[in-house]
Amino acid sequence: MDLLLTADELARRLRRSRDWVYRKARTGQIPGAFRLNNSWRFPATKITTWLREREQPPPAHPSDVAHSQPGKRASPQKAKRNMKITVKPRTQGTGGLEANLFWTDSTGRRRRVRRASPFTSKAKTKRWAEKLLKELIEADEAELTTAHQAQRQPAEQEPPPPPAPITHQQHEPTQPQLTFDEFVPQFMAFCESPVAGRRGANSSGELGNKRATIDQDLSPYFGDMPLRSISTRQVDAYVCAKSREVSKRTHRPLSGPTIANHLAILRRMLEVAHRWELLDRIPDIQPPRKGTVDEYLSKREMAALLEHADPLIRDLLMLALRTGMRLG
């Protein structure tokens, strides 16, 4: 059975917005697109074929082959030979399994991606990781093909622009474009330092909660995005996506306070990046409003319950009523 991609997944793969994907799907410019439960779905096989047709490199000239440099680029066959997948239990967060993906990209650089598994079975996790690794390798090859095409364009179309005059604002070096996943280890190291907050370093429980939220929620959505490209619109899209997600523990949609906790960690990460001058500005992050609390018992009903309760459990009832204890 062919794997179906959602609009958000296809947008991240194409590095486009979700509105752009919707517009192309409605006009029939994306092959195989169809609507399912009021949302668009895209077959992964047809999307892969479509991307290959769009980014097909021109045929190599014999002179190019003669003067090629075989040591600077790894072939796709070598990348596939160096693929490796390991599945192991998660040591942090809420448990479960995680998949570690290793491969050699088209430039010969060793790559590694770690993702939390949506399955509890090792066999299903490995099949899921194999599909994910195949998509990552294909995206890397497509990106390199596009760069190769840009290098082969004739240079006689337009003369190069004259160099810009040197001003006093150009003496500072350009900051590297860190992605979200590349910034996570630096942020977690900051949380362990004495300057992490007013009380110093975070406790082990706080570090575990942050690591679990980043690995399970924030990193799958913002992982490949540069920090500078995270805007208010993308944060609002994350809130909309999470509000439709069903919790694995409660089997109900995620609550507003849970999503607000995710946004608090995201905002703290962006504040640290802005403090280190990796960002020019922090996007406006609006947490969802907390819902109203249901009053299951009135004060008169609580007094009646305590009055007729067995003395052995009366203190337990008093504790539960006064503290608002819940099943979790």
C-alpha atoms as a PDB file:
ATOM      1  CA  MET A   1       0.000   0.000   0.000  1.00  0.00           C
ATOM      2  CA  ASP A   2       1.388   3.377  -1.041  1.00  0.00           C
ATOM      3  CA  LEU A   3       2.274   5.818   1.732  1.00  0.00           C
ATOM      4  CA  LEU A   4       0.094   8.960   1.771  1.00  0.00           C
ATOM      5  CA  LEU A   5       1.564  12.347   2.615  1.00  0.00           C
ATOM      6  CA  THR A   6      -0.378  15.166   4.253  1.00  0.00           C
ATOM      7  CA  ALA A   7      -0.215  18.758   3.075  1.00  0.00           C
ATOM      8  CA  ASP A   8       2.087  19.700   5.975  1.00  0.00           C
ATOM      9  CA  GLU A   9       4.488  16.832   5.218  1.00  0.00           C
ATOM     10  CA  LEU A  10       4.610  17.703   1.517  1.00  0.00           C
ATOM     11  CA  ALA A  11       5.140  21.389   2.342  1.00  0.00           C
ATOM     12  CA  ARG A  12       8.140  20.548   4.559  1.00  0.00           C
ATOM     13  CA  ARG A  13       9.540  18.246   1.875  1.00  0.00           C
ATOM     14  CA  LEU A  14       9.208  20.906  -0.836  1.00  0.00           C
ATOM     15  CA  ARG A  15      10.210  23.721   1.563  1.00  0.00           C
ATOM     16  CA  ARG A  16       7.058  25.577   0.654  1.00  0.00           C
ATOM     17  CA  SER A  17       4.062  26.858   2.592  1.00  0.00           C
ATOM     18  CA  ARG A  18       0.929  24.809   3.106  1.00  0.00           C
ATOM     19  CA  ASP A  19      -1.106  27.426   1.183  1.00  0.00           C
ATOM     20  CA  TRP A  20       1.181  26.919  -1.821  1.00  0.00           C
ATOM     21  CA  VAL A  21       0.559  23.154  -1.688  1.00  0.00           C
ATOM     22  CA  TYR A  22      -3.231  23.698  -1.469  1.00  0.00           C
ATOM     23  CA  ARG A  23      -3.175  26.071  -4.447  1.00  0.00           C
ATOM     24  CA  LYS A  24      -1.180  23.674  -6.623  1.00  0.00           C
ATOM     25  CA  ALA A  25      -3.386  20.738  -5.603  1.00  0.00           C
ATOM     26  CA  ARG A  26      -6.623  22.575  -6.465  1.00  0.00           C
ATOM     27  CA  THR A  27      -5.297  23.505  -9.920  1.00  0.00           C
ATOM     28  CA  GLY A  28      -4.195  19.937 -10.652  1.00  0.00           C
ATOM     29  CA  GLN A  29      -0.456  20.737 -10.790  1.00  0.00           C
ATOM     30  CA  ILE A  30       0.477  18.061  -8.225  1.00  0.00           C
ATOM     31  CA  PRO A  31      -0.057  14.529  -9.612  1.00  0.00           C
ATOM     32  CA  GLY A  32      -2.176  12.085  -7.644  1.00  0.00           C
ATOM     33  CA  ALA A  33      -3.595  14.667  -5.226  1.00  0.00           C
ATOM     34  CA  PHE A  34      -7.037  13.834  -3.828  1.00  0.00           C
ATOM     35  CA  ARG A  35      -9.247  14.935  -0.935  1.00  0.00           C
ATOM     36  CA  LEU A  36      -9.843  12.659   2.039  1.00  0.00           C
ATOM     37  CA  ASN A  37     -11.920  13.765   5.057  1.00  0.00           C
ATOM     38  CA  ASN A  38     -11.837  17.427   4.006  1.00  0.00           C
ATOM     39  CA  SER A  39      -8.046  17.447   3.628  1.00  0.00           C
ATOM     40  CA  TRP A  40      -5.608  16.765   0.795  1.00  0.00           C
ATOM     41  CA  ARG A  41      -3.548  13.584   0.508  1.00  0.00           C
ATOM     42  CA  PHE A  42      -0.637  12.865  -1.840  1.00  0.00           C
ATOM     43  CA  PRO A  43       0.772   9.410  -2.791  1.00  0.00           C
ATOM     44  CA  ALA A  44       4.455   9.324  -1.841  1.00  0.00           C
ATOM     45  CA  THR A  45       5.462   7.284  -4.931  1.00  0.00           C
ATOM     46  CA  LYS A  46       3.913   9.724  -7.396  1.00  0.00           C
ATOM     47  CA  ILE A  47       5.377  12.690  -5.534  1.00  0.00           C
ATOM     48  CA  THR A  48       8.859  11.151  -5.698  1.00  0.00           C
ATOM     49  CA  THR A  49       8.500  10.493  -9.448  1.00  0.00           C
ATOM     50  CA  TRP A  50       7.175  14.005  -9.987  1.00  0.00           C
ATOM     51  CA  LEU A  51      10.137  15.549  -8.161  1.00  0.00           C
ATOM     52  CA  ARG A  52      12.590  13.494 -10.211  1.00  0.00           C
ATOM     53  CA  GLU A  53      10.969  14.627 -13.466  1.00  0.00           C
ATOM     54  CA  ARG A  54      11.081  18.282 -12.381  1.00  0.00           C
ATOM     55  CA  GLU A  55      14.708  18.139 -11.326  1.00  0.00           C
ATOM     56  CA  GLN A  56      16.118  15.837 -14.048  1.00  0.00           C
ATOM     57  CA  PRO A  57      19.750  16.911 -14.689  1.00  0.00           C
ATOM     58  CA  PRO A  58      20.923  17.505 -18.277  1.00  0.00           C
ATOM     59  CA  PRO A  59      22.918  14.683 -19.940  1.00  0.00           C
ATOM     60  CA  ALA A  60      26.636  14.871 -19.271  1.00  0.00           C
ATOM     61  CA  HIS A  61      28.939  15.818 -22.133  1.00  0.00           C
ATOM     62  CA  PRO A  62      31.819  13.395 -22.844  1.00  0.00           C
ATOM     63  CA  SER A  63      34.284  16.170 -22.016  1.00  0.00           C
ATOM     64  CA  ASP A  64      32.663  16.593 -18.615  1.00  0.00           C
ATOM     65  CA  VAL A  65      33.069  12.902 -17.900  1.00  0.00           C
ATOM     66  CA  ALA A  66      36.728  13.010 -18.894  1.00  0.00           C
ATOM     67  CA  HIS A  67      37.469  15.911 -16.577  1.00  0.00           C
ATOM     68  CA  SER A  68      35.288  14.834 -13.653  1.00  0.00           C
ATOM     69  CA  GLN A  69      36.716  14.555 -10.168  1.00  0.00           C
ATOM     70  CA  PRO A  70      35.453  11.287  -8.661  1.00  0.00           C
ATOM     71  CA  GLY A  71      36.762  11.962  -5.180  1.00  0.00           C
ATOM     72  CA  LYS A  72      34.515  14.906  -4.322  1.00  0.00           C
ATOM     73  CA  ARG A  73      31.066  13.344  -4.582  1.00  0.00           C
ATOM     74  CA  ALA A  74      29.736  10.050  -3.292  1.00  0.00           C
ATOM     75  CA  SER A  75      27.489   8.076  -5.625  1.00  0.00           C
ATOM     76  CA  PRO A  76      23.905   7.159  -4.612  1.00  0.00           C
ATOM     77  CA  GLN A  77      25.007   3.511  -4.551  1.00  0.00           C
ATOM     78  CA  LYS A  78      27.684   4.332  -1.979  1.00  0.00           C
ATOM     79  CA  ALA A  79      25.145   6.272   0.089  1.00  0.00           C
ATOM     80  CA  LYS A  80      22.803   3.275   0.070  1.00  0.00           C
ATOM     81  CA  ARG A  81      25.607   0.882   0.997  1.00  0.00           C
ATOM     82  CA  ASN A  82      26.398   2.991   4.045  1.00  0.00           C
ATOM     83  CA  MET A  83      22.804   3.093   5.296  1.00  0.00           C
ATOM     84  CA  LYS A  84      22.236   1.864   8.826  1.00  0.00           C
ATOM     85  CA  ILE A  85      19.176   1.818  11.077  1.00  0.00           C
ATOM     86  CA  THR A  86      19.184   1.087  14.794  1.00  0.00           C
ATOM     87  CA  VAL A  87      16.076   0.810  16.979  1.00  0.00           C
ATOM     88  CA  LYS A  88      16.358   1.076  20.744  1.00  0.00           C
ATOM     89  CA  PRO A  89      14.190   2.064  23.746  1.00  0.00           C
ATOM     90  CA  ARG A  90      14.060   5.732  24.663  1.00  0.00           C
ATOM     91  CA  THR A  91      15.830   6.607  27.910  1.00  0.00           C
ATOM     92  CA  GLN A  92      14.118   9.968  28.389  1.00  0.00           C
ATOM     93  CA  GLY A  93      10.597  11.330  28.239  1.00  0.00           C
ATOM     94  CA  THR A  94       7.640   8.977  28.239  1.00  0.00           C
ATOM     95  CA  GLY A  95       9.537   5.942  26.976  1.00  0.00           C
ATOM     96  CA  GLY A  96       8.750   4.128  23.742  1.00  0.00           C
ATOM     97  CA  LEU A  97      11.179   3.452  20.902  1.00  0.00           C
ATOM     98  CA  GLU A  98      13.463   5.670  18.846  1.00  0.00           C
ATOM     99  CA  ALA A  99      15.124   5.104  15.471  1.00  0.00           C
ATOM    100  CA  ASN A 100      18.647   6.263  14.628  1.00  0.00           C
ATOM    101  CA  LEU A 101      19.226   6.712  10.880  1.00  0.00           C
ATOM    102  CA  PHE A 102      22.783   6.794   9.487  1.00  0.00           C
ATOM    103  CA  TRP A 103      23.782   7.357   5.868  1.00  0.00           C
ATOM    104  CA  THR A 104      26.405   9.044   3.678  1.00  0.00           C
ATOM    105  CA  ASP A 105      25.024  11.965   1.691  1.00  0.00           C
ATOM    106  CA  SER A 106      25.919  12.894  -1.887  1.00  0.00           C
ATOM    107  CA  THR A 107      28.866  15.035  -0.754  1.00  0.00           C
ATOM    108  CA  GLY A 108      30.449  12.168   1.184  1.00  0.00           C
ATOM    109  CA  ARG A 109      29.488  13.535   4.613  1.00  0.00           C
ATOM    110  CA  ARG A 110      28.208  11.129   7.255  1.00  0.00           C
ATOM    111  CA  ARG A 111      24.686  12.041   8.397  1.00  0.00           C
ATOM    112  CA  ARG A 112      22.591  10.979  11.383  1.00  0.00           C
ATOM    113  CA  VAL A 113      18.946  11.655  12.227  1.00  0.00           C
ATOM    114  CA  ARG A 114      17.174  10.518  15.399  1.00  0.00           C
ATOM    115  CA  ARG A 115      13.375  10.309  15.488  1.00  0.00           C
ATOM    116  CA  ALA A 116      10.885   9.091  18.082  1.00  0.00           C
ATOM    117  CA  SER A 117       8.843   6.175  16.772  1.00  0.00           C
ATOM    118  CA  PRO A 118       5.030   6.340  16.596  1.00  0.00           C
ATOM    119  CA  PHE A 119       4.916   2.548  17.071  1.00  0.00           C
ATOM    120  CA  THR A 120       5.598   0.254  20.021  1.00  0.00           C
ATOM    121  CA  SER A 121       6.808  -2.685  17.892  1.00  0.00           C
ATOM    122  CA  LYS A 122      10.437  -2.870  16.770  1.00  0.00           C
ATOM    123  CA  ALA A 123       9.470  -4.459  13.449  1.00  0.00           C
ATOM    124  CA  LYS A 124       6.991  -1.695  12.598  1.00  0.00           C
ATOM    125  CA  THR A 125       9.471   0.931  13.761  1.00  0.00           C
ATOM    126  CA  LYS A 126      12.166  -0.463  11.471  1.00  0.00           C
ATOM    127  CA  ARG A 127       9.828  -0.510   8.430  1.00  0.00           C
ATOM    128  CA  TRP A 128       8.788   3.057   9.233  1.00  0.00           C
ATOM    129  CA  ALA A 129      12.437   4.116   9.605  1.00  0.00           C
ATOM    130  CA  GLU A 130      13.370   2.505   6.260  1.00  0.00           C
ATOM    131  CA  LYS A 131      10.727   4.599   4.462  1.00  0.00           C
ATOM    132  CA  LEU A 132      11.889   7.732   6.278  1.00  0.00           C
ATOM    133  CA  LEU A 133      15.533   7.070   5.420  1.00  0.00           C
ATOM    134  CA  LYS A 134      14.657   6.522   1.752  1.00  0.00           C
ATOM    135  CA  GLU A 135      12.842   9.867   1.643  1.00  0.00           C
ATOM    136  CA  LEU A 136      15.797  11.654   3.272  1.00  0.00           C
ATOM    137  CA  ILE A 137      18.254  10.220   0.733  1.00  0.00           C
ATOM    138  CA  GLU A 138      15.969  11.110  -2.205  1.00  0.00           C
ATOM    139  CA  ALA A 139      15.540  14.670  -0.913  1.00  0.00           C
ATOM    140  CA  ASP A 140      19.320  15.004  -0.568  1.00  0.00           C
ATOM    141  CA  GLU A 141      19.882  13.760  -4.139  1.00  0.00           C
ATOM    142  CA  ALA A 142      17.207  16.122  -5.485  1.00  0.00           C
ATOM    143  CA  GLU A 143      18.810  19.087  -3.705  1.00  0.00           C
ATOM    144  CA  LEU A 144      22.247  18.228  -5.100  1.00  0.00           C
ATOM    145  CA  THR A 145      20.779  17.826  -8.612  1.00  0.00           C
ATOM    146  CA  THR A 146      19.249  21.302  -8.401  1.00  0.00           C
ATOM    147  CA  ALA A 147      22.590  22.771  -7.328  1.00  0.00           C
ATOM    148  CA  HIS A 148      24.322  20.927 -10.191  1.00  0.00           C
ATOM    149  CA  GLN A 149      21.862  22.380 -12.693  1.00  0.00           C
ATOM    150  CA  ALA A 150      22.446  25.888 -11.372  1.00  0.00           C
ATOM    151  CA  GLN A 151      26.202  25.487 -11.833  1.00  0.00           C
ATOM    152  CA  ARG A 152      25.789  24.359 -15.455  1.00  0.00           C
ATOM    153  CA  GLN A 153      23.791  27.430 -16.547  1.00  0.00           C
ATOM    154  CA  PRO A 154      25.647  29.532 -19.171  1.00  0.00           C
ATOM    155  CA  ALA A 155      27.347  32.560 -17.728  1.00  0.00           C
ATOM    156  CA  GLU A 156      26.808  34.836 -20.761  1.00  0.00           C
ATOM    157  CA  GLN A 157      23.183  35.679 -19.959  1.00  0.00           C
ATOM    158  CA  GLU A 158      23.876  38.699 -17.745  1.00  0.00           C
ATOM    159  CA  PRO A 159      27.140  40.269 -16.620  1.00  0.00           C
ATOM    160  CA  PRO A 160      27.822  39.890 -12.913  1.00  0.00           C
ATOM    161  CA  PRO A 161      26.791  42.920 -10.845  1.00  0.00           C
ATOM    162  CA  PRO A 162      29.584  45.215  -9.647  1.00  0.00           C
ATOM    163  CA  PRO A 163      30.788  44.607  -6.104  1.00  0.00           C
ATOM    164  CA  ALA A 164      28.954  46.584  -3.479  1.00  0.00           C
ATOM    165  CA  PRO A 165      30.931  49.330  -1.758  1.00  0.00           C
ATOM    166  CA  ILE A 166      32.310  48.394   1.617  1.00  0.00           C
ATOM    167  CA  THR A 167      30.563  50.226   4.428  1.00  0.00           C
ATOM    168  CA  HIS A 168      31.040  50.275   8.168  1.00  0.00           C
ATOM    169  CA  GLN A 169      28.146  47.815   8.584  1.00  0.00           C
ATOM    170  CA  GLN A 170      29.852  44.984   6.670  1.00  0.00           C
ATOM    171  CA  HIS A 171      32.828  44.310   8.895  1.00  0.00           C
ATOM    172  CA  GLU A 172      31.012  41.709  11.012  1.00  0.00           C
ATOM    173  CA  PRO A 173      31.075  38.070   9.802  1.00  0.00           C
ATOM    174  CA  THR A 174      27.833  36.448   8.723  1.00  0.00           C
ATOM    175  CA  GLN A 175      26.170  34.330  11.390  1.00  0.00           C
ATOM    176  CA  PRO A 176      25.692  30.632  10.505  1.00  0.00           C
ATOM    177  CA  GLN A 177      22.173  29.509   9.603  1.00  0.00           C
ATOM    178  CA  LEU A 178      21.556  27.035  12.418  1.00  0.00           C
ATOM    179  CA  THR A 179      18.568  24.729  12.117  1.00  0.00           C
ATOM    180  CA  PHE A 180      16.290  23.881  15.016  1.00  0.00           C
ATOM    181  CA  ASP A 181      17.797  20.394  15.496  1.00  0.00           C
ATOM    182  CA  GLU A 182      21.354  21.797  15.402  1.00  0.00           C
ATOM    183  CA  PHE A 183      20.496  24.333  18.110  1.00  0.00           C
ATOM    184  CA  VAL A 184      18.876  21.789  20.483  1.00  0.00           C
ATOM    185  CA  PRO A 185      22.165  20.438  21.989  1.00  0.00           C
ATOM    186  CA  GLN A 186      23.382  24.007  22.634  1.00  0.00           C
ATOM    187  CA  PHE A 187      20.084  24.914  24.303  1.00  0.00           C
ATOM    188  CA  MET A 188      20.078  21.798  26.529  1.00  0.00           C
ATOM    189  CA  ALA A 189      23.673  22.545  27.571  1.00  0.00           C
ATOM    190  CA  PHE A 190      22.565  26.088  28.457  1.00  0.00           C
ATOM    191  CA  CYS A 191      19.716  24.687  30.596  1.00  0.00           C
ATOM    192  CA  GLU A 192      22.281  22.687  32.581  1.00  0.00           C
ATOM    193  CA  SER A 193      24.442  25.781  33.232  1.00  0.00           C
ATOM    194  CA  PRO A 194      24.167  28.064  36.316  1.00  0.00           C
ATOM    195  CA  VAL A 195      22.841  30.950  34.148  1.00  0.00           C
ATOM    196  CA  ALA A 196      19.806  29.003  32.893  1.00  0.00           C
ATOM    197  CA  GLY A 197      17.376  30.841  35.179  1.00  0.00           C
ATOM    198  CA  ARG A 198      16.884  32.702  38.425  1.00  0.00           C
ATOM    199  CA  ARG A 199      17.357  29.493  40.417  1.00  0.00           C
ATOM    200  CA  GLY A 200      20.377  28.391  38.413  1.00  0.00           C
ATOM    201  CA  ALA A 201      20.547  25.183  36.419  1.00  0.00           C
ATOM    202  CA  ASN A 202      17.390  23.216  35.636  1.00  0.00           C
ATOM    203  CA  SER A 203      16.625  20.138  37.705  1.00  0.00           C
ATOM    204  CA  SER A 204      16.755  16.648  36.258  1.00  0.00           C
ATOM    205  CA  GLY A 205      12.954  16.572  36.044  1.00  0.00           C
ATOM    206  CA  GLU A 206      12.836  19.871  34.150  1.00  0.00           C
ATOM    207  CA  LEU A 207      15.532  18.697  31.760  1.00  0.00           C
ATOM    208  CA  GLY A 208      13.673  15.432  31.134  1.00  0.00           C
ATOM    209  CA  ASN A 209      10.401  17.245  30.414  1.00  0.00           C
ATOM    210  CA  LYS A 210      12.090  19.656  28.013  1.00  0.00           C
ATOM    211  CA  ARG A 211      13.917  16.858  26.214  1.00  0.00           C
ATOM    212  CA  ALA A 212      10.719  14.813  25.856  1.00  0.00           C
ATOM    213  CA  THR A 213       8.715  17.787  24.518  1.00  0.00           C
ATOM    214  CA  ILE A 214      11.452  18.718  22.041  1.00  0.00           C
ATOM    215  CA  ASP A 215      11.976  15.145  20.759  1.00  0.00           C
ATOM    216  CA  GLN A 216       8.308  14.152  20.519  1.00  0.00           C
ATOM    217  CA  ASP A 217       6.609  17.416  19.470  1.00  0.00           C
ATOM    218  CA  LEU A 218       8.823  20.368  18.522  1.00  0.00           C
ATOM    219  CA  SER A 219      11.646  18.611  16.655  1.00  0.00           C
ATOM    220  CA  PRO A 220       9.403  16.605  14.248  1.00  0.00           C
ATOM    221  CA  TYR A 221       7.783  19.896  13.168  1.00  0.00           C
ATOM    222  CA  PHE A 222      10.582  22.509  13.336  1.00  0.00           C
ATOM    223  CA  GLY A 223      13.612  20.168  13.109  1.00  0.00           C
ATOM    224  CA  ASP A 224      14.871  21.058   9.607  1.00  0.00           C
ATOM    225  CA  MET A 225      13.843  24.738   9.735  1.00  0.00           C
ATOM    226  CA  PRO A 226      16.515  27.425  10.214  1.00  0.00           C
ATOM    227  CA  LEU A 227      15.970  29.384  13.405  1.00  0.00           C
ATOM    228  CA  ARG A 228      15.679  32.630  11.429  1.00  0.00           C
ATOM    229  CA  SER A 229      12.775  31.230   9.378  1.00  0.00           C
ATOM    230  CA  ILE A 230      10.545  30.361  12.364  1.00  0.00           C
ATOM    231  CA  SER A 231       7.845  33.034  12.160  1.00  0.00           C
ATOM    232  CA  THR A 232       4.542  33.742  13.890  1.00  0.00           C
ATOM    233  CA  ARG A 233       2.667  32.137  11.003  1.00  0.00           C
ATOM    234  CA  GLN A 234       4.548  28.850  11.395  1.00  0.00           C
ATOM    235  CA  VAL A 235       4.010  28.869  15.157  1.00  0.00           C
ATOM    236  CA  ASP A 236       0.252  29.381  14.626  1.00  0.00           C
ATOM    237  CA  ALA A 237       0.284  26.511  12.102  1.00  0.00           C
ATOM    238  CA  TYR A 238       1.963  24.316  14.742  1.00  0.00           C
ATOM    239  CA  VAL A 239      -0.792  25.189  17.248  1.00  0.00           C
ATOM    240  CA  CYS A 240      -3.484  24.291  14.683  1.00  0.00           C
ATOM    241  CA  ALA A 241      -1.781  20.971  13.908  1.00  0.00           C
ATOM    242  CA  LYS A 242      -1.354  20.060  17.584  1.00  0.00           C
ATOM    243  CA  SER A 243      -4.957  20.970  18.419  1.00  0.00           C
ATOM    244  CA  ARG A 244      -6.076  18.214  16.006  1.00  0.00           C
ATOM    245  CA  GLU A 245      -3.578  15.648  17.332  1.00  0.00           C
ATOM    246  CA  VAL A 246      -4.827  12.888  19.630  1.00  0.00           C
ATOM    247  CA  SER A 247      -2.851  12.122  22.783  1.00  0.00           C
ATOM    248  CA  LYS A 248      -1.490   8.572  22.998  1.00  0.00           C
ATOM    249  CA  ARG A 249      -2.069   8.527  26.756  1.00  0.00           C
ATOM    250  CA  THR A 250      -5.595   9.925  27.048  1.00  0.00           C
ATOM    251  CA  HIS A 251      -6.819   9.201  23.482  1.00  0.00           C
ATOM    252  CA  ARG A 252      -8.255  12.716  23.386  1.00  0.00           C
ATOM    253  CA  PRO A 253      -7.137  15.904  21.571  1.00  0.00           C
ATOM    254  CA  LEU A 254      -4.278  17.757  23.205  1.00  0.00           C
ATOM    255  CA  SER A 255      -5.457  20.363  25.698  1.00  0.00           C
ATOM    256  CA  GLY A 256      -4.682  24.064  25.603  1.00  0.00           C
ATOM    257  CA  PRO A 257      -2.324  23.964  28.646  1.00  0.00           C
ATOM    258  CA  THR A 258      -0.314  21.149  27.039  1.00  0.00           C
ATOM    259  CA  ILE A 259       0.179  23.133  23.824  1.00  0.00           C
ATOM    260  CA  ALA A 260       0.988  26.224  25.915  1.00  0.00           C
ATOM    261  CA  ASN A 261       3.805  24.245  27.604  1.00  0.00           C
ATOM    262  CA  HIS A 262       5.212  23.390  24.148  1.00  0.00           C
ATOM    263  CA  LEU A 263       5.165  27.060  23.142  1.00  0.00           C
ATOM    264  CA  ALA A 264       6.831  28.102  26.411  1.00  0.00           C
ATOM    265  CA  ILE A 265       9.818  25.844  25.649  1.00  0.00           C
ATOM    266  CA  LEU A 266       9.923  27.070  22.032  1.00  0.00           C
ATOM    267  CA  ARG A 267       9.874  30.707  23.149  1.00  0.00           C
ATOM    268  CA  ARG A 268      12.654  30.061  25.689  1.00  0.00           C
ATOM    269  CA  MET A 269      14.793  28.515  22.933  1.00  0.00           C
ATOM    270  CA  LEU A 270      14.254  31.540  20.661  1.00  0.00           C
ATOM    271  CA  GLU A 271      15.020  33.912  23.538  1.00  0.00           C
ATOM    272  CA  VAL A 272      18.359  32.166  24.150  1.00  0.00           C
ATOM    273  CA  ALA A 273      19.152  32.287  20.409  1.00  0.00           C
ATOM    274  CA  HIS A 274      18.310  36.016  20.364  1.00  0.00           C
ATOM    275  CA  ARG A 275      20.513  36.536  23.429  1.00  0.00           C
ATOM    276  CA  TRP A 276      23.400  34.854  21.585  1.00  0.00           C
ATOM    277  CA  GLU A 277      22.745  37.118  18.544  1.00  0.00           C
ATOM    278  CA  LEU A 278      21.666  34.213  16.358  1.00  0.00           C
ATOM    279  CA  LEU A 279      18.276  35.897  15.762  1.00  0.00           C
ATOM    280  CA  ASP A 280      17.377  39.486  14.944  1.00  0.00           C
ATOM    281  CA  ARG A 281      13.942  39.292  16.530  1.00  0.00           C
ATOM    282  CA  ILE A 282      11.675  36.872  18.403  1.00  0.00           C
ATOM    283  CA  PRO A 283       8.341  36.081  16.706  1.00  0.00           C
ATOM    284  CA  ASP A 284       5.110  36.876  18.514  1.00  0.00           C
ATOM    285  CA  ILE A 285       3.965  33.621  20.156  1.00  0.00           C
ATOM    286  CA  GLN A 286       0.359  33.574  21.371  1.00  0.00           C
ATOM    287  CA  PRO A 287      -0.435  30.558  23.586  1.00  0.00           C
ATOM    288  CA  PRO A 288      -3.961  29.092  23.377  1.00  0.00           C
ATOM    289  CA  ARG A 289      -6.449  30.141  25.985  1.00  0.00           C
ATOM    290  CA  LYS A 290      -7.065  27.755  28.840  1.00  0.00           C
ATOM    291  CA  GLY A 291     -10.488  26.198  28.911  1.00  0.00           C
ATOM    292  CA  THR A 292     -12.960  26.604  31.743  1.00  0.00           C
ATOM    293  CA  VAL A 293     -12.696  24.211  34.696  1.00  0.00           C
ATOM    294  CA  ASP A 294     -15.750  22.045  35.281  1.00  0.00           C
ATOM    295  CA  GLU A 295     -17.211  22.233  38.784  1.00  0.00           C
ATOM    296  CA  TYR A 296     -18.421  18.690  39.378  1.00  0.00           C
ATOM    297  CA  LEU A 297     -19.645  19.265  42.938  1.00  0.00           C
ATOM    298  CA  SER A 298     -21.049  22.382  44.557  1.00  0.00           C
ATOM    299  CA  LYS A 299     -20.030  23.467  48.068  1.00  0.00           C
ATOM    300  CA  ARG A 300     -23.275  22.084  49.488  1.00  0.00           C
ATOM    301  CA  GLU A 301     -22.725  18.726  47.741  1.00  0.00           C
ATOM    302  CA  MET A 302     -19.133  18.526  48.993  1.00  0.00           C
ATOM    303  CA  ALA A 303     -20.301  19.204  52.583  1.00  0.00           C
ATOM    304  CA  ALA A 304     -22.950  16.488  52.286  1.00  0.00           C
ATOM    305  CA  LEU A 305     -20.393  14.032  50.888  1.00  0.00           C
ATOM    306  CA  LEU A 306     -17.964  14.630  53.765  1.00  0.00           C
ATOM    307  CA  GLU A 307     -20.760  14.432  56.330  1.00  0.00           C
ATOM    308  CA  HIS A 308     -21.913  10.974  55.215  1.00  0.00           C
ATOM    309  CA  ALA A 309     -18.457   9.599  54.317  1.00  0.00           C
ATOM    310  CA  ASP A 310     -16.881   6.698  56.172  1.00  0.00           C
ATOM    311  CA  PRO A 311     -14.319   7.993  58.716  1.00  0.00           C
ATOM    312  CA  LEU A 312     -11.637   5.769  57.135  1.00  0.00           C
ATOM    313  CA  ILE A 313     -11.771   7.629  53.805  1.00  0.00           C
ATOM    314  CA  ARG A 314     -13.005  11.045  54.954  1.00  0.00           C
ATOM    315  CA  ASP A 315      -9.473  12.488  55.056  1.00  0.00           C
ATOM    316  CA  LEU A 316      -8.773  11.140  51.561  1.00  0.00           C
ATOM    317  CA  LEU A 317     -11.938  12.768  50.240  1.00  0.00           C
ATOM    318  CA  MET A 318     -11.006  16.032  51.929  1.00  0.00           C
ATOM    319  CA  LEU A 319      -7.563  15.956  50.324  1.00  0.00           C
ATOM    320  CA  ALA A 320      -8.988  15.216  46.854  1.00  0.00           C
ATOM    321  CA  LEU A 321     -11.645  17.949  47.093  1.00  0.00           C
ATOM    322  CA  ARG A 322      -9.337  20.664  48.426  1.00  0.00           C
ATOM    323  CA  THR A 323      -6.419  20.036  46.032  1.00  0.00           C
ATOM    324  CA  GLY A 324      -8.355  19.206  42.839  1.00  0.00           C
ATOM    325  CA  MET A 325      -6.559  15.893  42.424  1.00  0.00           C
ATOM    326  CA  ARG A 326      -7.093  13.969  39.195  1.00  0.00           C
ATOM    327  CA  LEU A 327      -6.512  10.450  37.956  1.00  0.00           C
ATOM    328  CA  GLY A 328      -3.059  11.191  36.510  1.00  0.00           C
END
